[in-house]
Amino acid sequence: MKIYSYKDLTQQEIEKLCSRKAEDDNLIQSRVQSIISTVKSDGDSALLSYAEKFDNVKLSSLFMDKEEFNELAKQIPKEVKNAINIAYQNIYKFHEAQLKTEAKIETMPGVNCWREVRAIEKVGLYIPGGTAVLPSTFLMLGIPAKIAGCKEIVVCSPPQSDGKINTYIAYVSTLLNIEKVYLVGGAQAVGAMAFGTETVPKVDKIFGPGNRYVTEAKKLVQNTVAIDMPAGPSEVLVIADETANPSFVAADLLAQAEHGIDSQTVLVATSKKIIDTVISEIKKQVIDLPRKDIASKAIENSYVVYAENLAEAMEFSNLYAPEHLILATENFEPLIPLISNAGSVFLGNLTPESAGDYASGTNHTLPTSGFASAFSGVSVDTFLKKITFQHLSAQGLQNIGNTVEVLAEAEGLQAHKNAITIRLKENGY
């Protein structure tokens, strides 16, 4: 891991460190464009072909139904089943509290305005299944979709080598009462949900994280369908001071690194001793990881920033806008008001990012690649539309009428003015 001193960095160097752009982005874009175009024109036949090409499986069907994954879910170990149940309960409890009814506001006598929520009717959930199967992501997307009241939930996840979904995905499907899971992965899944095929329904909005191909596909279909956010490779930024536990910090960095070789892990520390010890701990811990080759490559591409104090560390963090921000310090309380850009924050030495990934209750589908400066993570709100309403009584029409007439006339929109004037005359004003 390369080490930088924050005070010695130029603005250009900081921008480069905060950039997640890879050298082969243009190549990926052209490949994804080809996949999306083929799915749009060839439908199911393209999906079957891509399953054989990318997933190394020849499918006889593009989906599994409720009866099939109910049977498959019986194979799940009891310990994993219990853990999924606890995670389900915590995530449900946290997200259920997000449903709120807003009050009606009388902006002036007789003029009432309010908002009401309506669920997005058809949503598409992409559940990754590449180098790691993620039933936790299914919980994070499916639970708020159910709470929001979405009428149709289309689930796509790559097939396993046996042409089926993973048993954990099957069990979560039963918890969420999902009707079908479509055996489609990657950019082709995004294309299928965006345009529809003979089998996969077209949706109104696509949700879910994925690799760079999935992220690029979501960007490319935005003119056709809404997306939750641009969510690419996972990332974590850890701010550590002398009160941090180096072994904990190393474990947190490796937890993100094992996601994929393009994962971003950044340490910002106010202690050179902590930096040296964390690097040493990473070398020790990575040896025992089943995914050590992946984690090691991600760590090779990661870096450390030395900051002279926590305020300086926070300044860099806000510029980086991390998906996950860990404050590995006993003095985290004063730092909370300083956070302006982060997807999800983990406070203190006993709060690992993996708690939020699985079971604390918060959502782990979060903005990456610096988009935390403008996007929020997935919530119940992400599955809702908020429609504004207004009602004018006779008194309200009289009170607001002249204001609207003057503004409409000032903008040269006579018909707008007439819509008020005709009502005023009809009511004797």
Protein backbone atom coordinates (compact mmCIF):
# COMPACT_ATOMS: atom_id res chain seq x y z
CA MET A 1 0.00 0.00 0.00
CA LYS A 2 1.46 3.33 -1.04
CA ILE A 3 1.58 5.98 1.68
CA TYR A 4 0.85 9.68 1.05
CA SER A 5 1.02 12.72 3.31
CA TYR A 6 -2.15 14.77 2.94
CA LYS A 7 -0.47 18.15 3.49
CA ASP A 8 2.06 17.39 0.72
CA LEU A 9 -0.55 16.48 -1.89
CA THR A 10 -1.46 18.94 -4.62
CA GLN A 11 -5.09 19.48 -5.60
CA GLN A 12 -4.47 17.52 -8.79
CA GLU A 13 -2.97 14.60 -6.83
CA ILE A 14 -5.93 14.56 -4.44
CA GLU A 15 -8.36 14.47 -7.35
CA LYS A 16 -6.44 11.56 -8.87
CA LEU A 17 -6.53 9.64 -5.58
CA CYS A 18 -10.26 10.22 -5.29
CA SER A 19 -10.95 9.16 -8.88
CA ARG A 20 -12.25 5.62 -9.41
CA LYS A 21 -11.95 5.72 -13.20
CA ALA A 22 -10.16 2.68 -14.62
CA GLU A 23 -8.06 2.55 -17.78
CA ASP A 24 -10.34 0.05 -19.55
CA ASP A 25 -13.63 1.93 -18.97
CA ASN A 26 -14.07 2.57 -22.70
CA LEU A 27 -13.58 -1.11 -23.51
CA ILE A 28 -16.17 -2.12 -20.92
CA GLN A 29 -18.61 0.48 -22.27
CA SER A 30 -18.37 -0.90 -25.81
CA ARG A 31 -18.82 -4.48 -24.61
CA VAL A 32 -21.83 -3.57 -22.51
CA GLN A 33 -23.40 -1.60 -25.36
CA SER A 34 -23.12 -4.71 -27.52
CA ILE A 35 -24.73 -6.90 -24.83
CA ILE A 36 -27.60 -4.48 -24.22
CA SER A 37 -28.26 -4.12 -27.95
CA THR A 38 -28.29 -7.88 -28.45
CA VAL A 39 -30.67 -8.48 -25.53
CA LYS A 40 -32.98 -5.75 -26.82
CA SER A 41 -33.14 -7.29 -30.30
CA ASP A 42 -32.90 -11.04 -29.57
CA GLY A 43 -34.61 -11.35 -26.18
CA ASP A 44 -34.59 -14.78 -24.56
CA SER A 45 -32.26 -16.35 -27.12
CA ALA A 46 -29.61 -13.76 -26.21
CA LEU A 47 -30.03 -14.48 -22.50
CA LEU A 48 -29.66 -18.24 -23.04
CA SER A 49 -26.58 -17.66 -25.18
CA TYR A 50 -24.97 -15.36 -22.60
CA ALA A 51 -25.68 -17.86 -19.79
CA GLU A 52 -23.71 -20.45 -21.74
CA LYS A 53 -20.94 -17.98 -22.59
CA PHE A 54 -20.50 -16.18 -19.26
CA ASP A 55 -21.94 -18.58 -16.64
CA ASN A 56 -20.87 -21.82 -18.34
CA VAL A 57 -24.33 -23.34 -18.03
CA LYS A 58 -26.84 -24.45 -20.65
CA LEU A 59 -30.28 -23.47 -19.34
CA SER A 60 -33.53 -25.22 -20.21
CA SER A 61 -35.51 -22.45 -18.50
CA LEU A 62 -34.73 -18.82 -17.70
CA PHE A 63 -36.43 -18.86 -14.32
CA MET A 64 -37.22 -20.89 -11.21
CA ASP A 65 -40.71 -20.64 -9.72
CA LYS A 66 -41.92 -20.61 -6.14
CA GLU A 67 -42.42 -24.37 -5.95
CA GLU A 68 -38.86 -25.03 -7.13
CA PHE A 69 -37.07 -22.68 -4.78
CA ASN A 70 -39.30 -23.64 -1.85
CA GLU A 71 -37.94 -27.17 -2.30
CA LEU A 72 -34.38 -25.91 -2.80
CA ALA A 73 -34.59 -23.77 0.34
CA LYS A 74 -35.03 -26.91 2.48
CA GLN A 75 -31.35 -27.66 1.96
CA ILE A 76 -30.19 -24.56 3.84
CA PRO A 77 -28.28 -25.32 7.09
CA LYS A 78 -30.22 -24.45 10.24
CA GLU A 79 -27.50 -22.07 11.49
CA VAL A 80 -27.57 -20.05 8.25
CA LYS A 81 -31.37 -20.06 8.24
CA ASN A 82 -31.46 -18.64 11.78
CA ALA A 83 -28.89 -15.96 10.88
CA ILE A 84 -30.89 -14.90 7.81
CA ASN A 85 -34.05 -14.75 9.95
CA ILE A 86 -32.39 -12.41 12.48
CA ALA A 87 -31.01 -10.20 9.69
CA TYR A 88 -34.46 -10.12 8.06
CA GLN A 89 -36.09 -8.96 11.32
CA ASN A 90 -33.52 -6.20 11.95
CA ILE A 91 -33.60 -4.91 8.38
CA TYR A 92 -37.40 -4.99 8.34
CA LYS A 93 -37.63 -3.12 11.65
CA PHE A 94 -35.26 -0.35 10.53
CA HIS A 95 -36.92 0.12 7.13
CA GLU A 96 -40.51 -0.11 8.35
CA ALA A 97 -39.88 2.99 10.49
CA GLN A 98 -39.14 4.95 7.31
CA LEU A 99 -42.79 4.96 6.20
CA LYS A 100 -44.23 8.31 7.17
CA THR A 101 -47.41 10.24 6.37
CA GLU A 102 -46.88 13.95 5.81
CA ALA A 103 -49.25 16.58 7.12
CA LYS A 104 -51.38 18.79 4.89
CA ILE A 105 -50.09 22.36 4.79
CA GLU A 106 -52.31 25.42 4.39
CA THR A 107 -49.92 27.78 2.60
CA MET A 108 -52.50 30.59 2.78
CA PRO A 109 -56.20 30.57 3.79
CA GLY A 110 -58.06 28.20 1.49
CA VAL A 111 -54.92 26.87 -0.27
CA ASN A 112 -54.01 23.36 0.90
CA CYS A 113 -50.96 21.39 -0.32
CA TRP A 114 -49.69 17.95 0.62
CA ARG A 115 -47.78 14.92 -0.59
CA GLU A 116 -48.83 11.27 -0.74
CA VAL A 117 -46.61 8.28 -1.46
CA ARG A 118 -47.27 5.61 -4.06
CA ALA A 119 -45.13 2.55 -4.62
CA ILE A 120 -43.31 2.12 -7.91
CA GLU A 121 -45.41 -0.64 -9.47
CA LYS A 122 -42.79 -2.77 -11.26
CA VAL A 123 -39.27 -2.96 -9.82
CA GLY A 124 -36.30 -5.05 -10.88
CA LEU A 125 -33.84 -6.36 -8.30
CA TYR A 126 -30.39 -7.45 -9.43
CA ILE A 127 -28.77 -9.88 -6.97
CA PRO A 128 -25.05 -10.43 -7.74
CA GLY A 129 -23.76 -13.98 -7.93
CA GLY A 130 -20.31 -13.82 -9.47
CA THR A 131 -17.32 -14.58 -7.25
CA ALA A 132 -19.64 -14.44 -4.22
CA VAL A 133 -23.37 -15.11 -3.84
CA LEU A 134 -25.06 -12.34 -1.85
CA PRO A 135 -28.36 -13.29 -0.16
CA SER A 136 -27.78 -10.25 2.07
CA THR A 137 -28.27 -8.00 -0.97
CA PHE A 138 -31.56 -9.78 -1.68
CA LEU A 139 -32.73 -8.88 1.85
CA MET A 140 -31.55 -5.28 1.46
CA LEU A 141 -33.53 -4.81 -1.75
CA GLY A 142 -36.49 -7.11 -1.26
CA ILE A 143 -37.52 -5.95 2.21
CA PRO A 144 -37.93 -2.22 1.41
CA ALA A 145 -39.67 -3.17 -1.86
CA LYS A 146 -42.19 -5.24 0.09
CA ILE A 147 -42.66 -2.54 2.75
CA ALA A 148 -43.19 0.08 0.03
CA GLY A 149 -45.91 -2.10 -1.53
CA CYS A 150 -44.48 -2.64 -5.03
CA LYS A 151 -46.97 -4.71 -7.03
CA GLU A 152 -44.45 -6.65 -9.11
CA ILE A 153 -40.92 -7.53 -8.01
CA VAL A 154 -38.73 -8.97 -10.77
CA VAL A 155 -35.62 -10.70 -9.43
CA CYS A 156 -32.58 -11.53 -11.59
CA SER A 157 -29.56 -13.47 -10.34
CA PRO A 158 -26.90 -15.44 -12.25
CA PRO A 159 -27.40 -19.22 -12.40
CA GLN A 160 -25.06 -21.54 -10.50
CA SER A 161 -23.19 -24.30 -12.30
CA ASP A 162 -26.19 -26.63 -11.82
CA GLY A 163 -28.52 -24.16 -13.57
CA LYS A 164 -30.29 -23.21 -10.36
CA ILE A 165 -30.13 -20.40 -7.85
CA ASN A 166 -28.10 -20.74 -4.66
CA THR A 167 -29.96 -22.30 -1.69
CA TYR A 168 -29.54 -19.08 0.33
CA ILE A 169 -31.11 -17.03 -2.46
CA ALA A 170 -33.89 -19.62 -2.59
CA TYR A 171 -34.57 -19.28 1.14
CA VAL A 172 -34.69 -15.47 1.00
CA SER A 173 -37.13 -15.84 -1.91
CA THR A 174 -39.46 -17.81 0.37
CA LEU A 175 -39.19 -15.18 3.13
CA LEU A 176 -40.07 -12.41 0.67
CA ASN A 177 -42.80 -14.48 -1.04
CA ILE A 178 -41.21 -13.98 -4.45
CA GLU A 179 -43.03 -15.68 -7.36
CA LYS A 180 -40.07 -16.20 -9.74
CA VAL A 181 -36.32 -15.73 -9.83
CA TYR A 182 -34.90 -15.19 -13.32
CA LEU A 183 -31.60 -16.96 -14.01
CA VAL A 184 -29.92 -14.00 -15.65
CA GLY A 185 -26.77 -12.18 -14.56
CA GLY A 186 -24.51 -9.33 -15.54
CA ALA A 187 -25.22 -6.56 -18.02
CA GLN A 188 -27.67 -8.85 -19.83
CA ALA A 189 -29.91 -8.93 -16.73
CA VAL A 190 -30.03 -5.13 -16.69
CA GLY A 191 -30.88 -5.09 -20.39
CA ALA A 192 -33.61 -7.71 -19.93
CA MET A 193 -35.29 -5.75 -17.13
CA ALA A 194 -34.92 -2.45 -18.99
CA PHE A 195 -36.48 -3.59 -22.29
CA GLY A 196 -38.25 -6.84 -21.40
CA THR A 197 -37.93 -10.17 -23.23
CA GLU A 198 -40.36 -12.99 -23.96
CA THR A 199 -39.79 -14.23 -20.39
CA VAL A 200 -38.37 -11.38 -18.30
CA PRO A 201 -40.84 -8.52 -17.66
CA LYS A 202 -39.93 -4.89 -18.34
CA VAL A 203 -39.71 -2.88 -15.11
CA ASP A 204 -40.03 0.78 -14.13
CA LYS A 205 -36.86 0.95 -12.02
CA ILE A 206 -33.78 -1.24 -11.56
CA PHE A 207 -32.06 -1.73 -8.22
CA GLY A 208 -28.93 -3.47 -7.08
CA PRO A 209 -25.14 -3.37 -7.02
CA GLY A 210 -22.82 -5.27 -9.31
CA ASN A 211 -19.48 -5.29 -11.07
CA ARG A 212 -18.36 -2.66 -13.57
CA TYR A 213 -20.35 -4.31 -16.35
CA VAL A 214 -23.58 -4.12 -14.35
CA THR A 215 -22.86 -0.52 -13.36
CA GLU A 216 -22.15 0.48 -16.96
CA ALA A 217 -25.33 -1.29 -18.11
CA LYS A 218 -27.40 0.66 -15.59
CA LYS A 219 -25.91 3.92 -16.85
CA LEU A 220 -26.66 3.00 -20.47
CA VAL A 221 -30.36 2.18 -19.91
CA GLN A 222 -31.19 5.31 -17.90
CA ASN A 223 -33.07 6.87 -20.81
CA THR A 224 -35.39 3.84 -20.82
CA VAL A 225 -35.77 2.95 -17.16
CA ALA A 226 -34.98 4.55 -13.80
CA ILE A 227 -32.10 3.21 -11.67
CA ASP A 228 -31.45 3.41 -7.95
CA MET A 229 -27.91 4.84 -8.25
CA PRO A 230 -24.59 4.21 -9.96
CA ALA A 231 -23.19 1.45 -7.73
CA GLY A 232 -19.90 -0.10 -8.76
CA PRO A 233 -17.08 -1.95 -6.98
CA SER A 234 -17.23 -1.85 -3.20
CA GLU A 235 -15.12 0.59 -1.20
CA VAL A 236 -14.26 1.55 2.36
CA LEU A 237 -12.39 4.45 3.92
CA VAL A 238 -11.17 4.01 7.49
CA ILE A 239 -10.16 7.00 9.60
CA ALA A 240 -7.93 5.86 12.45
CA ASP A 241 -6.12 7.68 15.23
CA GLU A 242 -3.91 6.46 18.08
CA THR A 243 -6.98 5.03 19.89
CA ALA A 244 -7.74 2.64 17.02
CA ASN A 245 -7.09 -1.11 17.23
CA PRO A 246 -4.75 -1.93 14.29
CA SER A 247 -5.93 -5.54 13.99
CA PHE A 248 -9.55 -4.34 13.74
CA VAL A 249 -8.62 -1.79 11.07
CA ALA A 250 -6.72 -4.39 9.05
CA ALA A 251 -9.71 -6.75 9.23
CA ASP A 252 -12.05 -3.99 8.03
CA LEU A 253 -9.82 -3.15 5.07
CA LEU A 254 -9.54 -6.81 4.08
CA ALA A 255 -13.31 -7.27 4.42
CA GLN A 256 -13.77 -4.87 1.51
CA ALA A 257 -10.73 -6.10 -0.39
CA GLU A 258 -12.10 -9.64 -0.63
CA HIS A 259 -15.14 -8.44 -2.61
CA GLY A 260 -13.09 -8.13 -5.79
CA ILE A 261 -9.74 -7.10 -7.20
CA ASP A 262 -11.23 -3.70 -8.12
CA SER A 263 -12.46 -3.00 -4.58
CA GLN A 264 -11.16 0.21 -3.01
CA THR A 265 -9.71 0.21 0.50
CA VAL A 266 -8.33 3.46 1.89
CA LEU A 267 -6.76 4.12 5.27
CA VAL A 268 -6.51 7.70 6.54
CA ALA A 269 -4.56 7.77 9.79
CA THR A 270 -3.24 10.42 12.15
CA SER A 271 -0.54 8.11 13.56
CA LYS A 272 2.45 6.75 11.60
CA LYS A 273 2.77 4.00 14.16
CA ILE A 274 -0.84 2.94 13.48
CA ILE A 275 -0.13 2.93 9.73
CA ASP A 276 2.89 0.64 10.12
CA THR A 277 1.05 -1.71 12.47
CA VAL A 278 -2.05 -1.91 10.27
CA ILE A 279 0.06 -2.79 7.20
CA SER A 280 1.81 -5.48 9.22
CA GLU A 281 -1.55 -6.84 10.41
CA ILE A 282 -2.90 -6.95 6.85
CA LYS A 283 0.06 -9.13 5.79
CA LYS A 284 -0.65 -11.51 8.69
CA GLN A 285 -4.42 -11.74 8.27
CA VAL A 286 -4.59 -12.05 4.47
CA ILE A 287 -2.68 -15.35 4.54
CA ASP A 288 -5.59 -17.19 6.16
CA LEU A 289 -8.33 -15.82 3.87
CA PRO A 290 -9.94 -18.25 1.38
CA ARG A 291 -10.13 -15.31 -1.05
CA LYS A 292 -6.58 -14.14 -0.29
CA ASP A 293 -5.60 -13.81 -3.97
CA ILE A 294 -8.49 -11.43 -4.63
CA ALA A 295 -7.93 -9.50 -1.39
CA SER A 296 -4.19 -9.19 -2.01
CA LYS A 297 -4.68 -7.72 -5.48
CA ALA A 298 -7.20 -5.19 -4.15
CA ILE A 299 -4.82 -4.20 -1.34
CA GLU A 300 -2.01 -3.74 -3.89
CA ASN A 301 -4.14 -1.12 -5.64
CA SER A 302 -5.08 0.60 -2.37
CA TYR A 303 -3.31 3.33 -0.44
CA VAL A 304 -2.81 5.12 2.89
CA VAL A 305 -3.05 8.84 3.60
CA TYR A 306 -1.27 10.29 6.62
CA ALA A 307 -3.18 13.22 8.13
CA GLU A 308 -1.85 15.40 10.92
CA ASN A 309 -5.19 15.45 12.77
CA LEU A 310 -8.76 14.15 12.57
CA ALA A 311 -10.10 17.35 11.03
CA GLU A 312 -7.65 16.94 8.17
CA ALA A 313 -8.62 13.28 7.86
CA MET A 314 -12.29 14.25 7.62
CA GLU A 315 -11.46 16.82 4.95
CA PHE A 316 -9.96 14.12 2.74
CA SER A 317 -12.83 11.72 3.47
CA ASN A 318 -15.43 14.26 2.32
CA LEU A 319 -13.48 14.80 -0.91
CA TYR A 320 -13.31 11.02 -1.46
CA ALA A 321 -17.03 10.53 -0.57
CA PRO A 322 -16.73 6.86 0.45
CA GLU A 323 -19.41 4.20 0.18
CA HIS A 324 -18.49 3.01 3.68
CA LEU A 325 -16.81 5.26 6.25
CA ILE A 326 -15.41 3.75 9.45
CA LEU A 327 -14.37 6.09 12.26
CA ALA A 328 -11.89 3.87 14.10
CA THR A 329 -11.46 6.16 17.07
CA GLU A 330 -12.83 6.52 20.56
CA ASN A 331 -13.37 10.22 19.74
CA PHE A 332 -15.93 9.77 16.99
CA GLU A 333 -18.72 11.97 18.40
CA PRO A 334 -17.14 15.35 17.46
CA LEU A 335 -16.53 14.03 13.93
CA ILE A 336 -20.18 13.24 13.14
CA PRO A 337 -21.17 16.87 12.31
CA LEU A 338 -18.12 17.10 10.01
CA ILE A 339 -19.33 14.28 7.75
CA SER A 340 -20.90 15.64 4.58
CA ASN A 341 -20.25 12.86 2.05
CA ALA A 342 -20.58 9.16 2.92
CA GLY A 343 -22.91 6.30 2.07
CA SER A 344 -23.01 4.67 5.51
CA VAL A 345 -20.97 5.43 8.64
CA PHE A 346 -19.65 3.03 11.28
CA LEU A 347 -18.78 4.60 14.60
CA GLY A 348 -16.06 3.50 17.02
CA ASN A 349 -13.75 0.54 17.32
CA LEU A 350 -16.47 -2.05 17.91
CA THR A 351 -18.58 -1.28 14.82
CA PRO A 352 -17.25 -3.13 11.78
CA GLU A 353 -18.65 -2.42 8.33
CA SER A 354 -19.69 -6.06 8.04
CA ALA A 355 -22.37 -5.46 10.72
CA GLY A 356 -24.11 -3.11 8.30
CA ASP A 357 -23.46 -5.45 5.39
CA TYR A 358 -25.53 -8.17 7.00
CA ALA A 359 -27.64 -7.59 10.03
CA SER A 360 -27.60 -4.27 11.94
CA GLY A 361 -30.63 -3.12 9.96
CA THR A 362 -29.26 -0.34 7.75
CA ASN A 363 -29.11 -0.90 4.00
CA HIS A 364 -25.88 -1.97 2.35
CA THR A 365 -26.85 -0.95 -1.20
CA LEU A 366 -24.93 2.31 -1.27
CA PRO A 367 -23.48 4.87 -3.71
CA THR A 368 -19.88 4.26 -4.78
CA SER A 369 -17.33 5.95 -7.03
CA GLY A 370 -17.77 9.31 -5.30
CA PHE A 371 -21.54 9.39 -5.86
CA ALA A 372 -22.06 9.56 -2.09
CA SER A 373 -21.63 13.29 -2.59
CA ALA A 374 -25.04 13.37 -4.29
CA PHE A 375 -26.83 10.03 -3.71
CA SER A 376 -28.23 8.23 -0.66
CA GLY A 377 -28.27 4.50 -0.08
CA VAL A 378 -31.33 2.40 -0.84
CA SER A 379 -34.28 2.86 1.52
CA VAL A 380 -38.05 2.47 1.43
CA ASP A 381 -38.13 5.95 -0.17
CA THR A 382 -36.16 4.59 -3.13
CA PHE A 383 -39.14 2.37 -3.99
CA LEU A 384 -41.69 5.16 -3.65
CA LYS A 385 -42.94 8.09 -5.69
CA LYS A 386 -44.11 11.18 -3.84
CA ILE A 387 -47.04 12.87 -5.55
CA THR A 388 -47.98 16.44 -4.66
CA PHE A 389 -51.62 17.50 -4.28
CA GLN A 390 -53.25 20.91 -3.96
CA HIS A 391 -56.82 22.06 -3.42
CA LEU A 392 -58.20 25.60 -3.65
CA SER A 393 -61.44 26.56 -1.98
CA ALA A 394 -63.35 29.66 -3.17
CA GLN A 395 -61.51 31.62 -0.51
CA GLY A 396 -58.19 30.13 -1.64
CA LEU A 397 -58.87 31.03 -5.28
CA GLN A 398 -59.60 34.62 -4.28
CA ASN A 399 -56.49 34.83 -2.08
CA ILE A 400 -54.01 33.38 -4.58
CA GLY A 401 -55.64 34.47 -7.84
CA ASN A 402 -54.05 37.88 -8.35
CA THR A 403 -50.56 36.54 -7.53
CA VAL A 404 -50.84 33.86 -10.21
CA GLU A 405 -52.31 36.30 -12.77
CA VAL A 406 -49.45 38.78 -12.28
CA LEU A 407 -46.74 36.11 -12.51
CA ALA A 408 -48.31 34.46 -15.58
CA GLU A 409 -48.58 37.81 -17.34
CA ALA A 410 -44.99 38.66 -16.45
CA GLU A 411 -43.88 35.43 -18.13
CA GLY A 412 -46.04 36.12 -21.20
CA LEU A 413 -48.25 33.07 -20.65
CA GLN A 414 -51.75 34.46 -21.19
CA ALA A 415 -53.54 31.09 -21.08
CA HIS A 416 -52.09 30.47 -17.63
CA LYS A 417 -53.52 33.81 -16.50
CA ASN A 418 -56.88 33.06 -18.13
CA ALA A 419 -57.19 29.78 -16.22
CA ILE A 420 -57.31 31.86 -13.04
CA THR A 421 -59.28 34.86 -14.41
CA ILE A 422 -62.15 32.73 -15.76
CA ARG A 423 -62.61 31.05 -12.39
CA LEU A 424 -62.52 34.35 -10.52
CA LYS A 425 -65.24 35.78 -12.78
CA GLU A 426 -67.35 32.62 -12.51
CA ASN A 427 -67.24 32.97 -8.72
CA GLY A 428 -68.06 36.67 -8.75
CA TYR A 429 -64.62 38.01 -7.88
